[in-house]
Amino acid sequence: MRRWRNALWCLLAICCCAATAQVAGQGAPTFVVSDLPAGRPLRIVVYGDMRVTDPSNTSDTSPGVRKWLAQKVGEERPDILLLTGDMPFHGSNPEDWKVYGQETALWTQEKLRIYPTIGNHEILPDPVKGLANYHAAYPQIEQHDYYSVQLGNIYLITLDSSTFLSRGWEQRQWLDAQLANLPSSADFVFLLFHIPLVSDLQTAFMLGIPDPAALDLRHDLEGWASKSHAKFVIFNGHIHNYERFEMNGITHVITGGGGARPYPIFIRGDEDLYRARTYPNFNYLLITLAGKHADAKMYRVADPDAAQKSVELKDSFALDAK
């Protein structure tokens, strides 16, 4: 009897240690990058919502400007490329991913360091096949649906907004552990996920964004940001336009102008810091980070229908560490 009791205690001890290690491990970065360029500012590009598919589809996406933007982003040669989701039109269709590979060939050639997030189109129409194709396209994230990366003084947290982010769910617990264990070297926390936590009046009314769960997450993040030593910046897509907000210490940037069918915003609320009425807003964001200061610039495709396309600077703002 004593032998069985001792065995039981040993089993319980092993389980407790494993559980403790799992919880502790949730606060550590998934990846640590130690080979960032030294001696010059970092160049970071953020964009998404390309909906790459057969170029003959001109209703759900704009293939000409989409392909041109992908080439332009590659020519920027960013040190870090953040993708806000909806890269393919149908994530479970391997043909869409094949076209994606062709249109982003320069990214592969330049060996860009790419960090994506899962949008709603990555899992359409078959979530299982869609996720398998997504992970095959981005082997660098090693099958993680959500993950974190320590990049110098940037701590990147990438979430999967296609699944539950409510309190008590596994991903939310992981997020809380990440934020509770931010390294002291992190001057900036970049959060990357697809569906925004804040939007213009028109989007809130027409699409119901943000929903109650998103609002709860936003308020929770505002609490973390207020007591953190780091500056919080959230990057989203989903809305095929561009919006920017500063709310309770967090900068929110929505950049979903990668080529998907453009979404017109006729009414911009007072909280939206982007005031231009230009349409459509095919765009990307370029951030130049030097130490504790960053300059961010939004470049818009000036004329999507022009034979010789170009970009124009339409928004600029600063990001400063606390």
Protein backbone atom coordinates (compact mmCIF):
# COMPACT_ATOMS: atom_id res chain seq x y z
CA MET A 1 0.00 0.00 0.00
CA ARG A 2 2.84 2.34 0.93
CA ARG A 3 4.48 1.62 -2.42
CA TRP A 4 1.32 2.64 -4.33
CA ARG A 5 0.95 5.75 -2.16
CA ASN A 6 4.52 6.77 -2.89
CA ALA A 7 3.98 6.16 -6.59
CA LEU A 8 0.85 8.29 -6.51
CA TRP A 9 2.70 11.13 -4.77
CA CYS A 10 5.48 10.92 -7.35
CA LEU A 11 2.95 11.08 -10.18
CA LEU A 12 1.24 14.11 -8.60
CA ALA A 13 4.59 15.82 -8.13
CA ILE A 14 5.52 15.23 -11.77
CA CYS A 15 2.15 16.59 -12.95
CA CYS A 16 2.49 19.66 -10.71
CA CYS A 17 5.99 20.36 -11.96
CA ALA A 18 4.86 19.95 -15.57
CA ALA A 19 1.91 22.29 -15.03
CA THR A 20 4.16 24.86 -13.33
CA ALA A 21 6.65 24.66 -16.19
CA GLN A 22 3.85 25.05 -18.75
CA VAL A 23 2.49 28.18 -17.04
CA ALA A 24 5.98 29.63 -16.65
CA GLY A 25 6.75 28.84 -20.28
CA GLN A 26 3.72 30.80 -21.45
CA GLY A 27 5.40 34.01 -20.36
CA ALA A 28 8.54 33.44 -22.42
CA PRO A 29 8.87 34.62 -26.02
CA THR A 30 8.11 31.97 -28.63
CA PHE A 31 11.05 33.20 -30.70
CA VAL A 32 14.07 35.40 -29.98
CA VAL A 33 15.79 37.16 -32.87
CA SER A 34 19.40 38.10 -32.20
CA ASP A 35 20.65 38.96 -35.69
CA LEU A 36 18.92 42.26 -36.37
CA PRO A 37 21.02 44.82 -38.28
CA ALA A 38 23.21 46.88 -35.98
CA GLY A 39 24.23 50.49 -36.40
CA ARG A 40 21.24 51.68 -38.41
CA PRO A 41 17.50 52.18 -37.88
CA LEU A 42 15.18 49.21 -38.34
CA ARG A 43 12.75 49.31 -41.26
CA ILE A 44 9.38 47.70 -40.58
CA VAL A 45 6.53 47.37 -43.07
CA VAL A 46 2.96 46.58 -41.98
CA TYR A 47 0.17 45.77 -44.43
CA GLY A 48 -2.30 43.07 -45.43
CA ASP A 49 -5.71 42.14 -46.87
CA MET A 50 -4.43 41.22 -50.31
CA ARG A 51 -6.92 38.38 -50.92
CA VAL A 52 -4.56 36.84 -53.45
CA THR A 53 -6.35 34.61 -55.94
CA ASP A 54 -6.69 33.98 -59.67
CA PRO A 55 -5.89 37.29 -61.43
CA SER A 56 -9.07 36.89 -63.46
CA ASN A 57 -11.07 37.67 -60.30
CA THR A 58 -11.42 41.44 -60.40
CA SER A 59 -14.46 41.78 -58.13
CA ASP A 60 -13.17 40.46 -54.79
CA THR A 61 -9.70 41.89 -55.23
CA SER A 62 -7.77 44.23 -57.51
CA PRO A 63 -5.08 41.99 -59.03
CA GLY A 64 -3.08 44.75 -60.74
CA VAL A 65 -2.57 46.97 -57.71
CA ARG A 66 -2.28 43.93 -55.42
CA LYS A 67 0.66 42.51 -57.37
CA TRP A 68 2.28 45.93 -57.73
CA LEU A 69 2.03 46.59 -53.99
CA ALA A 70 3.62 43.24 -53.15
CA GLN A 71 6.52 44.15 -55.43
CA LYS A 72 6.75 47.63 -53.91
CA VAL A 73 6.83 46.21 -50.38
CA GLY A 74 9.64 43.90 -51.41
CA GLU A 75 11.55 46.83 -52.87
CA GLU A 76 11.34 48.59 -49.50
CA ARG A 77 13.54 45.74 -48.20
CA PRO A 78 12.17 45.90 -44.65
CA ASP A 79 14.03 44.23 -41.83
CA ILE A 80 10.65 43.07 -40.50
CA LEU A 81 7.43 42.55 -42.49
CA LEU A 82 4.20 42.27 -40.50
CA LEU A 83 1.14 40.92 -42.36
CA THR A 84 -2.27 41.80 -40.94
CA GLY A 85 -4.13 38.78 -42.37
CA ASP A 86 -6.30 37.78 -45.34
CA MET A 87 -3.30 37.15 -47.54
CA PRO A 88 -5.15 34.58 -49.73
CA PHE A 89 -8.77 34.89 -50.85
CA HIS A 90 -9.54 31.28 -49.90
CA GLY A 91 -6.96 29.84 -47.53
CA SER A 92 -7.96 26.23 -48.15
CA ASN A 93 -7.42 26.62 -51.89
CA PRO A 94 -3.81 25.69 -52.72
CA GLU A 95 -4.08 27.53 -56.04
CA ASP A 96 -4.55 30.84 -54.20
CA TRP A 97 -1.39 30.16 -52.21
CA LYS A 98 0.42 29.29 -55.45
CA VAL A 99 -0.47 32.71 -56.89
CA TYR A 100 0.56 34.27 -53.57
CA GLY A 101 3.98 32.66 -53.90
CA GLN A 102 4.34 34.02 -57.42
CA GLU A 103 3.31 37.55 -56.52
CA THR A 104 5.57 37.68 -53.45
CA ALA A 105 8.57 36.06 -55.11
CA LEU A 106 10.71 39.12 -54.36
CA TRP A 107 10.06 38.62 -50.62
CA THR A 108 11.59 35.16 -50.89
CA GLN A 109 14.45 36.44 -53.02
CA GLU A 110 15.23 39.16 -50.48
CA LYS A 111 14.85 36.67 -47.60
CA LEU A 112 12.54 39.01 -45.74
CA ARG A 113 11.78 38.27 -42.09
CA ILE A 114 8.00 37.84 -42.25
CA TYR A 115 5.54 37.54 -39.35
CA PRO A 116 1.91 36.90 -40.37
CA THR A 117 -1.37 36.69 -38.49
CA ILE A 118 -4.44 34.61 -39.28
CA GLY A 119 -7.37 36.45 -40.85
CA ASN A 120 -10.84 35.14 -41.58
CA HIS A 121 -9.92 34.29 -45.18
CA GLU A 122 -7.03 32.06 -44.14
CA ILE A 123 -9.57 29.55 -42.83
CA LEU A 124 -12.12 29.78 -45.69
CA PRO A 125 -13.90 27.67 -46.70
CA ASP A 126 -12.25 24.71 -44.91
CA PRO A 127 -10.52 25.75 -41.65
CA VAL A 128 -8.43 22.57 -41.34
CA LYS A 129 -7.03 22.75 -44.86
CA GLY A 130 -6.72 26.51 -44.60
CA LEU A 131 -4.55 26.38 -41.48
CA ALA A 132 -2.42 23.62 -43.02
CA ASN A 133 -1.79 25.79 -46.08
CA TYR A 134 -1.10 28.82 -43.89
CA HIS A 135 1.54 27.01 -41.86
CA ALA A 136 3.10 25.57 -45.01
CA ALA A 137 3.41 29.10 -46.42
CA TYR A 138 5.09 30.41 -43.24
CA PRO A 139 7.35 27.64 -41.88
CA GLN A 140 9.26 30.23 -39.84
CA ILE A 141 6.45 30.38 -37.23
CA GLU A 142 6.72 26.61 -36.67
CA GLN A 143 3.00 25.73 -36.67
CA HIS A 144 2.03 28.39 -34.11
CA ASP A 145 -1.39 29.97 -34.57
CA TYR A 146 -0.32 32.70 -32.14
CA TYR A 147 3.19 33.51 -30.99
CA SER A 148 5.57 36.16 -29.69
CA VAL A 149 8.93 37.38 -30.93
CA GLN A 150 11.59 39.35 -29.09
CA LEU A 151 13.14 41.64 -31.70
CA GLY A 152 15.65 43.92 -29.99
CA ASN A 153 13.61 46.50 -28.07
CA ILE A 154 10.38 45.37 -29.79
CA TYR A 155 8.25 42.63 -28.28
CA LEU A 156 5.88 41.35 -30.98
CA ILE A 157 2.72 39.53 -29.88
CA THR A 158 0.74 37.98 -32.72
CA LEU A 159 -2.78 36.74 -31.96
CA ASP A 160 -5.26 34.58 -33.85
CA SER A 161 -8.49 36.57 -34.01
CA SER A 162 -10.22 33.77 -35.95
CA THR A 163 -10.69 31.90 -32.67
CA PHE A 164 -11.69 32.71 -29.11
CA LEU A 165 -9.96 35.62 -27.40
CA SER A 166 -12.43 35.80 -24.51
CA ARG A 167 -11.42 35.62 -20.87
CA GLY A 168 -10.58 32.13 -19.65
CA TRP A 169 -9.74 30.71 -23.06
CA GLU A 170 -6.28 29.32 -23.71
CA GLN A 171 -5.09 32.11 -26.01
CA ARG A 172 -6.22 34.83 -23.59
CA GLN A 173 -4.41 33.10 -20.72
CA TRP A 174 -1.29 32.91 -22.86
CA LEU A 175 -1.62 36.62 -23.70
CA ASP A 176 -1.94 37.55 -20.02
CA ALA A 177 1.18 35.51 -19.22
CA GLN A 178 3.07 37.25 -22.02
CA LEU A 179 2.12 40.72 -20.81
CA ALA A 180 2.91 39.85 -17.21
CA ASN A 181 6.44 38.80 -18.17
CA LEU A 182 7.55 41.43 -20.67
CA PRO A 183 11.34 41.74 -20.74
CA SER A 184 12.75 44.97 -19.32
CA SER A 185 14.50 45.55 -22.65
CA ALA A 186 11.16 45.95 -24.48
CA ASP A 187 10.49 49.63 -25.22
CA PHE A 188 7.63 48.77 -27.56
CA VAL A 189 4.95 46.08 -27.54
CA PHE A 190 3.61 45.51 -31.03
CA LEU A 191 0.36 43.53 -31.09
CA LEU A 192 -0.56 42.10 -34.48
CA PHE A 193 -3.96 40.55 -35.25
CA HIS A 194 -6.60 40.78 -37.93
CA ILE A 195 -9.90 42.12 -36.58
CA PRO A 196 -9.67 45.59 -34.98
CA LEU A 197 -10.57 46.52 -31.40
CA VAL A 198 -11.61 50.03 -32.46
CA SER A 199 -13.10 51.42 -35.66
CA ASP A 200 -14.83 54.41 -37.20
CA LEU A 201 -18.49 55.16 -36.56
CA GLN A 202 -19.47 53.84 -39.97
CA THR A 203 -17.71 50.51 -39.46
CA ALA A 204 -19.10 50.10 -35.96
CA PHE A 205 -22.62 50.65 -37.28
CA MET A 206 -22.35 48.62 -40.51
CA LEU A 207 -20.16 45.72 -39.39
CA GLY A 208 -20.54 45.66 -35.60
CA ILE A 209 -16.80 46.16 -35.02
CA PRO A 210 -15.73 46.01 -32.28
CA ASP A 211 -18.06 43.43 -30.72
CA PRO A 212 -18.41 43.03 -26.90
CA ALA A 213 -15.59 40.47 -26.67
CA ALA A 214 -13.26 42.79 -28.59
CA LEU A 215 -14.19 45.70 -26.34
CA ASP A 216 -13.41 43.62 -23.29
CA LEU A 217 -10.01 42.72 -24.73
CA ARG A 218 -9.35 46.38 -25.58
CA HIS A 219 -10.12 47.51 -22.04
CA ASP A 220 -7.94 44.74 -20.66
CA LEU A 221 -5.04 45.78 -22.89
CA GLU A 222 -5.50 49.39 -21.81
CA GLY A 223 -5.07 48.24 -18.23
CA TRP A 224 -1.87 46.40 -19.11
CA ALA A 225 -0.58 49.38 -21.11
CA SER A 226 -1.17 51.84 -18.27
CA LYS A 227 1.08 49.92 -15.89
CA SER A 228 3.66 48.70 -18.40
CA HIS A 229 7.08 50.23 -18.94
CA ALA A 230 6.57 49.73 -22.72
CA LYS A 231 4.58 51.62 -25.34
CA PHE A 232 1.71 49.53 -26.80
CA VAL A 233 0.92 49.67 -30.54
CA ILE A 234 -1.81 47.51 -32.15
CA PHE A 235 -1.82 46.70 -35.88
CA ASN A 236 -4.94 45.30 -37.53
CA GLY A 237 -6.43 44.74 -40.97
CA HIS A 238 -9.89 43.45 -41.99
CA ILE A 239 -11.13 46.93 -42.94
CA HIS A 240 -9.92 47.54 -46.50
CA ASN A 241 -8.86 51.09 -45.86
CA TYR A 242 -6.69 52.93 -43.35
CA GLU A 243 -7.53 54.28 -39.89
CA ARG A 244 -5.49 55.44 -36.92
CA PHE A 245 -6.46 56.04 -33.31
CA GLU A 246 -4.78 56.98 -30.02
CA MET A 247 -6.88 55.66 -27.16
CA ASN A 248 -5.93 55.44 -23.49
CA GLY A 249 -2.23 55.17 -24.17
CA ILE A 250 -2.47 52.67 -27.05
CA THR A 251 -1.87 53.49 -30.71
CA HIS A 252 -4.22 51.57 -33.04
CA VAL A 253 -3.40 51.37 -36.75
CA ILE A 254 -5.67 49.63 -39.27
CA THR A 255 -3.90 48.95 -42.54
CA GLY A 256 -5.98 46.67 -44.76
CA GLY A 257 -5.26 48.15 -48.15
CA GLY A 258 -3.19 45.40 -49.72
CA GLY A 259 -5.42 44.85 -52.73
CA ALA A 260 -8.73 43.41 -51.53
CA ARG A 261 -11.93 45.07 -52.73
CA PRO A 262 -11.69 48.56 -51.18
CA TYR A 263 -14.00 49.58 -48.38
CA PRO A 264 -15.20 53.19 -48.56
CA ILE A 265 -15.36 55.20 -45.34
CA PHE A 266 -17.75 58.08 -45.82
CA ILE A 267 -17.97 59.03 -42.13
CA ARG A 268 -14.81 59.26 -40.05
CA GLY A 269 -15.42 59.92 -36.38
CA ASP A 270 -13.51 62.56 -34.44
CA GLU A 271 -11.32 59.89 -32.84
CA ASP A 272 -9.87 58.80 -36.19
CA LEU A 273 -6.62 60.71 -36.57
CA TYR A 274 -6.55 60.02 -40.31
CA ARG A 275 -8.71 62.72 -41.87
CA ALA A 276 -8.07 62.45 -45.62
CA ARG A 277 -11.08 61.66 -47.81
CA THR A 278 -9.10 59.95 -50.57
CA TYR A 279 -10.51 56.68 -51.93
CA PRO A 280 -9.60 53.94 -52.53
CA ASN A 281 -6.85 53.59 -49.93
CA PHE A 282 -4.54 50.84 -51.15
CA ASN A 283 -1.64 51.32 -48.76
CA TYR A 284 1.19 50.09 -46.59
CA LEU A 285 2.82 51.45 -43.44
CA LEU A 286 6.59 51.97 -43.17
CA ILE A 287 8.07 52.39 -39.69
CA THR A 288 11.66 53.50 -39.18
CA LEU A 289 12.76 52.70 -35.64
CA ALA A 290 15.89 54.16 -34.06
CA GLY A 291 16.27 53.35 -30.39
CA LYS A 292 13.32 54.69 -28.42
CA HIS A 293 11.84 56.70 -31.30
CA ALA A 294 10.09 55.66 -34.49
CA ASP A 295 8.72 57.55 -37.47
CA ALA A 296 5.74 55.93 -39.17
CA LYS A 297 4.55 56.82 -42.67
CA MET A 298 1.52 55.55 -44.58
CA TYR A 299 2.02 55.36 -48.32
CA ARG A 300 -1.06 55.21 -50.54
CA VAL A 301 -1.17 54.12 -54.18
CA ALA A 302 -1.79 57.45 -55.89
CA ASP A 303 -3.74 56.10 -58.87
CA PRO A 304 -4.53 52.36 -58.82
CA ASP A 305 -5.55 52.43 -62.49
CA ALA A 306 -2.43 54.15 -63.78
CA ALA A 307 -0.15 52.22 -66.11
CA GLN A 308 2.85 53.49 -64.14
CA LYS A 309 1.82 53.29 -60.49
CA SER A 310 3.35 55.28 -57.67
CA VAL A 311 2.74 55.97 -53.99
CA GLU A 312 2.12 59.20 -52.14
CA LEU A 313 2.70 59.96 -48.47
CA LYS A 314 -0.73 60.41 -46.86
CA ASP A 315 -0.14 60.01 -43.12
CA SER A 316 2.79 60.32 -40.74
CA PHE A 317 3.10 60.03 -36.99
CA ALA A 318 5.67 59.35 -34.29
CA LEU A 319 5.96 56.46 -31.85
CA ASP A 320 7.98 57.13 -28.72
CA ALA A 321 8.91 54.84 -25.88
CA LYS A 322 7.72 55.82 -22.42
